[in-house]
C-alpha cells in the first residue's frame, strides 16, 4: 500500500512539474521563439533572411518595450526590421512606393524603393532631373537617426539618388516639403519625424542593427 501511494505521489509530482514547465514555456513563448530562431541562425552560420517568423519575433520584441519589466534596450537586426516592413501590419507609406528595402551600415540608414516618376514631388528644381529618369525609378536615400523631443526620432537625409543619379543635396528639403513635411521646432529642414513604438524613449543604429532604448532606461 505504501509503495502504491508513493508511486501515485511520484506521478502527481511529475505531472505538476510538467504542467509548471508548460506554463512557464507558454508565458515566455516570445523569448523562447527569439532564442530558437537566433540559435538556428548561429548553428547554420547563414545570414538571416526576411520572413514571417522573423516578423513575429520582431513584434514580440516590440511588445516587450511597453511591459513593466522590459529590458533597458532591445535590438532589432536588419532582417527583423525588413521582415516587419514586408510581413508586418501596413506601414504609413504611399501606395505608389513599391518594394521598400531598409539596410543598416554602421550608424547609417539606407532606404531603397521603386517609385513611378509621375509620382515624384512636383518642384521646378526637379524638372530637368526628372527628364532623364525612366517611368519607374529606383530611389535610394541614406540618412541617420537624430533625437527629437517626445517619443520620436528624426530621420535626417544626407543623400538621395534616383536610378543611380545623385540629386543635389539642396533639393532634399524641397522634396521633403513637397511630400508633406512641415516645419517644427528642433527639426532640421532635411529631416522627417518618426514616431517610436510604445515604451521606447530613443533609437539609434549601431553595428548594423536598430537599437531601441526603453522608458525604463531613461526613468529607472
C-alpha atoms as a PDB file:
ATOM      1  CA  UNK A   1       0.000   0.000   0.000  1.00  0.00           C
ATOM      2  CA  UNK A   2       2.815   2.358   0.950  1.00  0.00           C
ATOM      3  CA  UNK A   3       4.512   1.608  -2.351  1.00  0.00           C
ATOM      4  CA  UNK A   4       1.273   2.259  -4.253  1.00  0.00           C
ATOM      5  CA  UNK A   5       0.781   5.593  -2.533  1.00  0.00           C
ATOM      6  CA  UNK A   6       4.401   6.515  -3.160  1.00  0.00           C
ATOM      7  CA  UNK A   7       4.042   5.677  -6.843  1.00  0.00           C
ATOM      8  CA  UNK A   8       0.900   7.808  -7.118  1.00  0.00           C
ATOM      9  CA  UNK A   9       2.629  10.716  -5.420  1.00  0.00           C
ATOM     10  CA  UNK A  10       5.560  10.467  -7.800  1.00  0.00           C
ATOM     11  CA  UNK A  11       3.216  10.534 -10.796  1.00  0.00           C
ATOM     12  CA  UNK A  12       1.311  13.517  -9.371  1.00  0.00           C
ATOM     13  CA  UNK A  13       4.547  15.390  -8.729  1.00  0.00           C
ATOM     14  CA  UNK A  14       5.763  14.549 -12.237  1.00  0.00           C
ATOM     15  CA  UNK A  15       2.523  15.846 -13.742  1.00  0.00           C
ATOM     16  CA  UNK A  16       2.792  19.025 -11.695  1.00  0.00           C
ATOM     17  CA  UNK A  17       6.383  19.549 -12.849  1.00  0.00           C
ATOM     18  CA  UNK A  18       5.375  19.030 -16.493  1.00  0.00           C
ATOM     19  CA  UNK A  19       2.404  21.388 -16.094  1.00  0.00           C
ATOM     20  CA  UNK A  20       4.621  24.030 -14.498  1.00  0.00           C
ATOM     21  CA  UNK A  21       7.161  23.676 -17.312  1.00  0.00           C
ATOM     22  CA  UNK A  22       4.404  24.041 -19.934  1.00  0.00           C
ATOM     23  CA  UNK A  23       3.005  27.136 -18.193  1.00  0.00           C
ATOM     24  CA  UNK A  24       6.485  28.633 -17.885  1.00  0.00           C
ATOM     25  CA  UNK A  25       7.216  27.970 -21.552  1.00  0.00           C
ATOM     26  CA  UNK A  26       3.857  29.468 -22.569  1.00  0.00           C
ATOM     27  CA  UNK A  27       4.377  32.618 -20.504  1.00  0.00           C
ATOM     28  CA  UNK A  28       7.828  33.083 -22.077  1.00  0.00           C
ATOM     29  CA  UNK A  29       6.949  31.810 -25.538  1.00  0.00           C
ATOM     30  CA  UNK A  30       8.070  35.032 -27.251  1.00  0.00           C
ATOM     31  CA  UNK A  31      11.512  34.898 -25.647  1.00  0.00           C
ATOM     32  CA  UNK A  32      11.830  31.176 -26.462  1.00  0.00           C
ATOM     33  CA  UNK A  33      10.888  31.804 -30.076  1.00  0.00           C
ATOM     34  CA  UNK A  34      13.501  34.541 -30.294  1.00  0.00           C
ATOM     35  CA  UNK A  35      16.156  32.274 -28.791  1.00  0.00           C
ATOM     36  CA  UNK A  36      15.203  29.387 -31.083  1.00  0.00           C
ATOM     37  CA  UNK A  37      15.452  31.438 -34.275  1.00  0.00           C
ATOM     38  CA  UNK A  38      18.713  33.037 -33.141  1.00  0.00           C
ATOM     39  CA  UNK A  39      20.122  29.599 -32.248  1.00  0.00           C
ATOM     40  CA  UNK A  40      19.211  28.207 -35.672  1.00  0.00           C
ATOM     41  CA  UNK A  41      20.889  31.170 -37.365  1.00  0.00           C
ATOM     42  CA  UNK A  42      24.021  30.743 -35.234  1.00  0.00           C
ATOM     43  CA  UNK A  43      24.214  26.992 -35.959  1.00  0.00           C
ATOM     44  CA  UNK A  44      23.651  27.374 -39.699  1.00  0.00           C
ATOM     45  CA  UNK A  45      26.130  30.239 -39.979  1.00  0.00           C
ATOM     46  CA  UNK A  46      23.997  31.765 -42.711  1.00  0.00           C
ATOM     47  CA  UNK A  47      22.723  35.378 -42.628  1.00  0.00           C
ATOM     48  CA  UNK A  48      19.080  35.742 -41.697  1.00  0.00           C
ATOM     49  CA  UNK A  49      16.602  36.425 -44.456  1.00  0.00           C
ATOM     50  CA  UNK A  50      13.330  38.367 -44.006  1.00  0.00           C
ATOM     51  CA  UNK A  51      10.464  36.007 -43.149  1.00  0.00           C
ATOM     52  CA  UNK A  52       7.097  35.858 -41.412  1.00  0.00           C
ATOM     53  CA  UNK A  53       8.759  34.076 -38.493  1.00  0.00           C
ATOM     54  CA  UNK A  54      11.257  36.911 -38.054  1.00  0.00           C
ATOM     55  CA  UNK A  55       8.419  39.432 -38.266  1.00  0.00           C
ATOM     56  CA  UNK A  56       6.739  37.624 -35.354  1.00  0.00           C
ATOM     57  CA  UNK A  57       9.991  37.695 -33.399  1.00  0.00           C
ATOM     58  CA  UNK A  58      10.385  41.422 -34.043  1.00  0.00           C
ATOM     59  CA  UNK A  59       6.789  42.082 -32.988  1.00  0.00           C
ATOM     60  CA  UNK A  60       7.373  40.133 -29.759  1.00  0.00           C
ATOM     61  CA  UNK A  61      10.426  42.272 -29.036  1.00  0.00           C
ATOM     62  CA  UNK A  62       8.463  45.483 -29.647  1.00  0.00           C
ATOM     63  CA  UNK A  63       5.695  44.315 -27.316  1.00  0.00           C
ATOM     64  CA  UNK A  64       8.290  43.854 -24.579  1.00  0.00           C
ATOM     65  CA  UNK A  65       9.098  47.572 -24.755  1.00  0.00           C
ATOM     66  CA  UNK A  66       5.839  48.557 -23.075  1.00  0.00           C
ATOM     67  CA  UNK A  67       5.976  45.932 -20.288  1.00  0.00           C
ATOM     68  CA  UNK A  68       6.827  46.924 -16.730  1.00  0.00           C
ATOM     69  CA  UNK A  69       9.787  44.543 -16.570  1.00  0.00           C
ATOM     70  CA  UNK A  70      11.068  45.451 -20.015  1.00  0.00           C
ATOM     71  CA  UNK A  71      14.827  45.382 -20.630  1.00  0.00           C
ATOM     72  CA  UNK A  72      16.637  48.712 -20.905  1.00  0.00           C
ATOM     73  CA  UNK A  73      17.026  48.234 -24.638  1.00  0.00           C
ATOM     74  CA  UNK A  74      16.123  45.838 -27.402  1.00  0.00           C
ATOM     75  CA  UNK A  75      17.999  45.224 -30.633  1.00  0.00           C
ATOM     76  CA  UNK A  76      16.357  44.546 -33.990  1.00  0.00           C
ATOM     77  CA  UNK A  77      18.526  43.108 -36.725  1.00  0.00           C
ATOM     78  CA  UNK A  78      18.331  44.390 -40.271  1.00  0.00           C
ATOM     79  CA  UNK A  79      16.495  41.202 -41.275  1.00  0.00           C
ATOM     80  CA  UNK A  80      13.951  41.663 -38.464  1.00  0.00           C
ATOM     81  CA  UNK A  81      13.209  45.257 -39.488  1.00  0.00           C
ATOM     82  CA  UNK A  82      12.879  44.235 -43.135  1.00  0.00           C
ATOM     83  CA  UNK A  83      10.571  41.385 -42.067  1.00  0.00           C
ATOM     84  CA  UNK A  84       8.320  43.897 -40.294  1.00  0.00           C
ATOM     85  CA  UNK A  85       8.236  46.027 -43.440  1.00  0.00           C
ATOM     86  CA  UNK A  86       7.410  43.085 -45.691  1.00  0.00           C
ATOM     87  CA  UNK A  87       5.182  40.937 -43.482  1.00  0.00           C
ATOM     88  CA  UNK A  88       4.060  43.231 -40.668  1.00  0.00           C
ATOM     89  CA  UNK A  89       0.965  45.432 -40.486  1.00  0.00           C
ATOM     90  CA  UNK A  90       0.612  48.050 -43.188  1.00  0.00           C
ATOM     91  CA  UNK A  91       3.082  50.921 -42.911  1.00  0.00           C
ATOM     92  CA  UNK A  92       2.156  54.537 -43.479  1.00  0.00           C
ATOM     93  CA  UNK A  93       3.693  54.587 -46.959  1.00  0.00           C
ATOM     94  CA  UNK A  94       2.038  55.866 -50.142  1.00  0.00           C
ATOM     95  CA  UNK A  95       0.657  53.097 -52.354  1.00  0.00           C
ATOM     96  CA  UNK A  96       2.954  54.049 -55.225  1.00  0.00           C
ATOM     97  CA  UNK A  97       6.110  53.197 -53.253  1.00  0.00           C
ATOM     98  CA  UNK A  98       6.969  49.645 -54.309  1.00  0.00           C
ATOM     99  CA  UNK A  99       9.319  47.080 -52.755  1.00  0.00           C
ATOM    100  CA  UNK A 100      10.776  49.214 -49.942  1.00  0.00           C
ATOM    101  CA  UNK A 101      14.051  47.870 -48.532  1.00  0.00           C
ATOM    102  CA  UNK A 102      15.955  49.054 -45.467  1.00  0.00           C
ATOM    103  CA  UNK A 103      19.599  48.367 -44.667  1.00  0.00           C
ATOM    104  CA  UNK A 104      21.832  49.435 -41.798  1.00  0.00           C
ATOM    105  CA  UNK A 105      25.505  50.173 -42.310  1.00  0.00           C
ATOM    106  CA  UNK A 106      27.346  51.237 -39.172  1.00  0.00           C
ATOM    107  CA  UNK A 107      25.241  54.166 -37.919  1.00  0.00           C
ATOM    108  CA  UNK A 108      23.511  54.915 -41.237  1.00  0.00           C
ATOM    109  CA  UNK A 109      20.076  54.002 -42.547  1.00  0.00           C
ATOM    110  CA  UNK A 110      19.886  53.043 -46.228  1.00  0.00           C
ATOM    111  CA  UNK A 111      16.452  53.079 -47.867  1.00  0.00           C
ATOM    112  CA  UNK A 112      15.590  51.850 -51.342  1.00  0.00           C
ATOM    113  CA  UNK A 113      12.283  51.639 -53.218  1.00  0.00           C
ATOM    114  CA  UNK A 114      10.778  51.781 -56.692  1.00  0.00           C
ATOM    115  CA  UNK A 115       8.820  54.962 -57.382  1.00  0.00           C
ATOM    116  CA  UNK A 116       6.931  55.899 -60.591  1.00  0.00           C
ATOM    117  CA  UNK A 117       8.454  59.089 -61.949  1.00  0.00           C
ATOM    118  CA  UNK A 118       4.976  60.587 -62.305  1.00  0.00           C
ATOM    119  CA  UNK A 119       4.656  60.451 -58.510  1.00  0.00           C
ATOM    120  CA  UNK A 120       7.839  62.402 -57.805  1.00  0.00           C
ATOM    121  CA  UNK A 121       7.234  65.580 -55.788  1.00  0.00           C
ATOM    122  CA  UNK A 122       6.377  68.365 -58.191  1.00  0.00           C
ATOM    123  CA  UNK A 123       9.008  71.083 -57.998  1.00  0.00           C
ATOM    124  CA  UNK A 124      10.555  73.357 -60.589  1.00  0.00           C
ATOM    125  CA  UNK A 125      14.009  72.397 -59.325  1.00  0.00           C
ATOM    126  CA  UNK A 126      13.344  68.744 -60.220  1.00  0.00           C
ATOM    127  CA  UNK A 127      12.159  69.408 -63.757  1.00  0.00           C
ATOM    128  CA  UNK A 128      15.442  68.799 -65.574  1.00  0.00           C
ATOM    129  CA  UNK A 129      16.339  65.816 -63.374  1.00  0.00           C
ATOM    130  CA  UNK A 130      13.025  64.024 -63.968  1.00  0.00           C
ATOM    131  CA  UNK A 131      13.510  64.341 -67.707  1.00  0.00           C
ATOM    132  CA  UNK A 132      16.440  61.906 -67.521  1.00  0.00           C
ATOM    133  CA  UNK A 133      14.620  59.273 -65.458  1.00  0.00           C
ATOM    134  CA  UNK A 134      12.716  56.170 -66.659  1.00  0.00           C
ATOM    135  CA  UNK A 135       8.983  55.745 -65.973  1.00  0.00           C
ATOM    136  CA  UNK A 136       9.841  53.940 -62.720  1.00  0.00           C
ATOM    137  CA  UNK A 137      12.975  54.950 -60.865  1.00  0.00           C
ATOM    138  CA  UNK A 138      14.878  53.163 -58.125  1.00  0.00           C
ATOM    139  CA  UNK A 139      15.159  55.781 -55.411  1.00  0.00           C
ATOM    140  CA  UNK A 140      17.742  55.394 -52.658  1.00  0.00           C
ATOM    141  CA  UNK A 141      18.247  57.559 -49.607  1.00  0.00           C
ATOM    142  CA  UNK A 142      20.942  57.497 -46.939  1.00  0.00           C
ATOM    143  CA  UNK A 143      20.416  59.137 -43.576  1.00  0.00           C
ATOM    144  CA  UNK A 144      20.814  58.866 -39.836  1.00  0.00           C
ATOM    145  CA  UNK A 145      18.553  58.926 -36.798  1.00  0.00           C
ATOM    146  CA  UNK A 146      18.629  62.069 -34.674  1.00  0.00           C
ATOM    147  CA  UNK A 147      16.923  62.724 -31.307  1.00  0.00           C
ATOM    148  CA  UNK A 148      13.709  64.745 -31.126  1.00  0.00           C
ATOM    149  CA  UNK A 149      11.556  65.814 -28.172  1.00  0.00           C
ATOM    150  CA  UNK A 150       8.871  63.347 -27.143  1.00  0.00           C
ATOM    151  CA  UNK A 151       8.609  59.685 -28.159  1.00  0.00           C
ATOM    152  CA  UNK A 152      10.060  60.333 -31.615  1.00  0.00           C
ATOM    153  CA  UNK A 153      13.250  60.409 -33.603  1.00  0.00           C
ATOM    154  CA  UNK A 154      14.154  62.247 -36.763  1.00  0.00           C
ATOM    155  CA  UNK A 155      15.491  60.695 -39.952  1.00  0.00           C
ATOM    156  CA  UNK A 156      17.962  63.201 -41.373  1.00  0.00           C
ATOM    157  CA  UNK A 157      18.521  62.561 -45.085  1.00  0.00           C
ATOM    158  CA  UNK A 158      22.117  63.034 -46.224  1.00  0.00           C
ATOM    159  CA  UNK A 159      21.969  61.649 -49.779  1.00  0.00           C
ATOM    160  CA  UNK A 160      19.273  60.876 -52.348  1.00  0.00           C
ATOM    161  CA  UNK A 161      19.668  59.315 -55.769  1.00  0.00           C
ATOM    162  CA  UNK A 162      17.202  58.275 -58.458  1.00  0.00           C
ATOM    163  CA  UNK A 163      18.198  55.491 -60.863  1.00  0.00           C
ATOM    164  CA  UNK A 164      21.760  55.916 -59.535  1.00  0.00           C
ATOM    165  CA  UNK A 165      21.695  59.617 -60.412  1.00  0.00           C
ATOM    166  CA  UNK A 166      22.659  61.648 -57.297  1.00  0.00           C
ATOM    167  CA  UNK A 167      20.310  64.548 -56.624  1.00  0.00           C
ATOM    168  CA  UNK A 168      21.734  67.859 -55.400  1.00  0.00           C
ATOM    169  CA  UNK A 169      21.711  67.988 -51.611  1.00  0.00           C
ATOM    170  CA  UNK A 170      19.906  71.324 -51.759  1.00  0.00           C
ATOM    171  CA  UNK A 171      16.877  69.567 -53.301  1.00  0.00           C
ATOM    172  CA  UNK A 172      16.337  67.308 -50.290  1.00  0.00           C
ATOM    173  CA  UNK A 173      14.402  69.883 -48.201  1.00  0.00           C
ATOM    174  CA  UNK A 174      12.361  70.790 -51.301  1.00  0.00           C
ATOM    175  CA  UNK A 175      11.411  67.162 -51.920  1.00  0.00           C
ATOM    176  CA  UNK A 176      10.513  66.575 -48.264  1.00  0.00           C
ATOM    177  CA  UNK A 177       8.264  69.654 -48.204  1.00  0.00           C
ATOM    178  CA  UNK A 178       6.510  68.505 -51.380  1.00  0.00           C
ATOM    179  CA  UNK A 179       5.951  65.123 -49.706  1.00  0.00           C
ATOM    180  CA  UNK A 180       4.149  66.767 -46.796  1.00  0.00           C
ATOM    181  CA  UNK A 181       6.880  67.526 -44.291  1.00  0.00           C
ATOM    182  CA  UNK A 182       6.056  70.524 -42.100  1.00  0.00           C
ATOM    183  CA  UNK A 183       8.392  72.722 -40.085  1.00  0.00           C
ATOM    184  CA  UNK A 184       8.548  72.292 -36.334  1.00  0.00           C
ATOM    185  CA  UNK A 185      10.961  73.359 -33.581  1.00  0.00           C
ATOM    186  CA  UNK A 186      14.171  71.369 -33.491  1.00  0.00           C
ATOM    187  CA  UNK A 187      13.550  69.565 -36.807  1.00  0.00           C
ATOM    188  CA  UNK A 188      16.241  70.238 -39.459  1.00  0.00           C
ATOM    189  CA  UNK A 189      14.911  71.076 -42.944  1.00  0.00           C
ATOM    190  CA  UNK A 190      16.425  67.855 -44.343  1.00  0.00           C
ATOM    191  CA  UNK A 191      14.805  65.548 -41.752  1.00  0.00           C
ATOM    192  CA  UNK A 192      11.407  63.969 -41.138  1.00  0.00           C
ATOM    193  CA  UNK A 193       9.981  62.957 -37.732  1.00  0.00           C
ATOM    194  CA  UNK A 194       9.269  59.289 -36.996  1.00  0.00           C
ATOM    195  CA  UNK A 195       7.167  58.004 -34.067  1.00  0.00           C
ATOM    196  CA  UNK A 196       8.715  55.465 -31.714  1.00  0.00           C
ATOM    197  CA  UNK A 197       6.939  52.288 -30.575  1.00  0.00           C
ATOM    198  CA  UNK A 198       5.088  52.368 -27.270  1.00  0.00           C
ATOM    199  CA  UNK A 199       7.567  52.155 -24.404  1.00  0.00           C
ATOM    200  CA  UNK A 200      10.563  53.398 -26.396  1.00  0.00           C
ATOM    201  CA  UNK A 201      12.292  56.655 -25.459  1.00  0.00           C
ATOM    202  CA  UNK A 202      15.084  56.763 -28.063  1.00  0.00           C
ATOM    203  CA  UNK A 203      16.503  54.875 -31.034  1.00  0.00           C
ATOM    204  CA  UNK A 204      19.794  54.675 -32.870  1.00  0.00           C
ATOM    205  CA  UNK A 205      21.603  52.471 -35.388  1.00  0.00           C
ATOM    206  CA  UNK A 206      24.671  50.614 -34.191  1.00  0.00           C
ATOM    207  CA  UNK A 207      26.733  47.871 -35.832  1.00  0.00           C
ATOM    208  CA  UNK A 208      24.112  47.123 -38.460  1.00  0.00           C
ATOM    209  CA  UNK A 209      21.160  46.891 -36.061  1.00  0.00           C
ATOM    210  CA  UNK A 210      18.396  49.147 -34.772  1.00  0.00           C
ATOM    211  CA  UNK A 211      18.619  49.752 -31.011  1.00  0.00           C
ATOM    212  CA  UNK A 212      15.523  50.919 -29.144  1.00  0.00           C
ATOM    213  CA  UNK A 213      16.051  52.351 -25.656  1.00  0.00           C
ATOM    214  CA  UNK A 214      13.101  51.917 -23.301  1.00  0.00           C
ATOM    215  CA  UNK A 215      11.488  54.392 -20.911  1.00  0.00           C
ATOM    216  CA  UNK A 216      12.821  52.207 -18.093  1.00  0.00           C
ATOM    217  CA  UNK A 217      16.398  53.075 -19.075  1.00  0.00           C
ATOM    218  CA  UNK A 218      15.582  56.779 -19.029  1.00  0.00           C
ATOM    219  CA  UNK A 219      13.466  56.633 -15.845  1.00  0.00           C
ATOM    220  CA  UNK A 220      14.821  53.817 -13.617  1.00  0.00           C
END
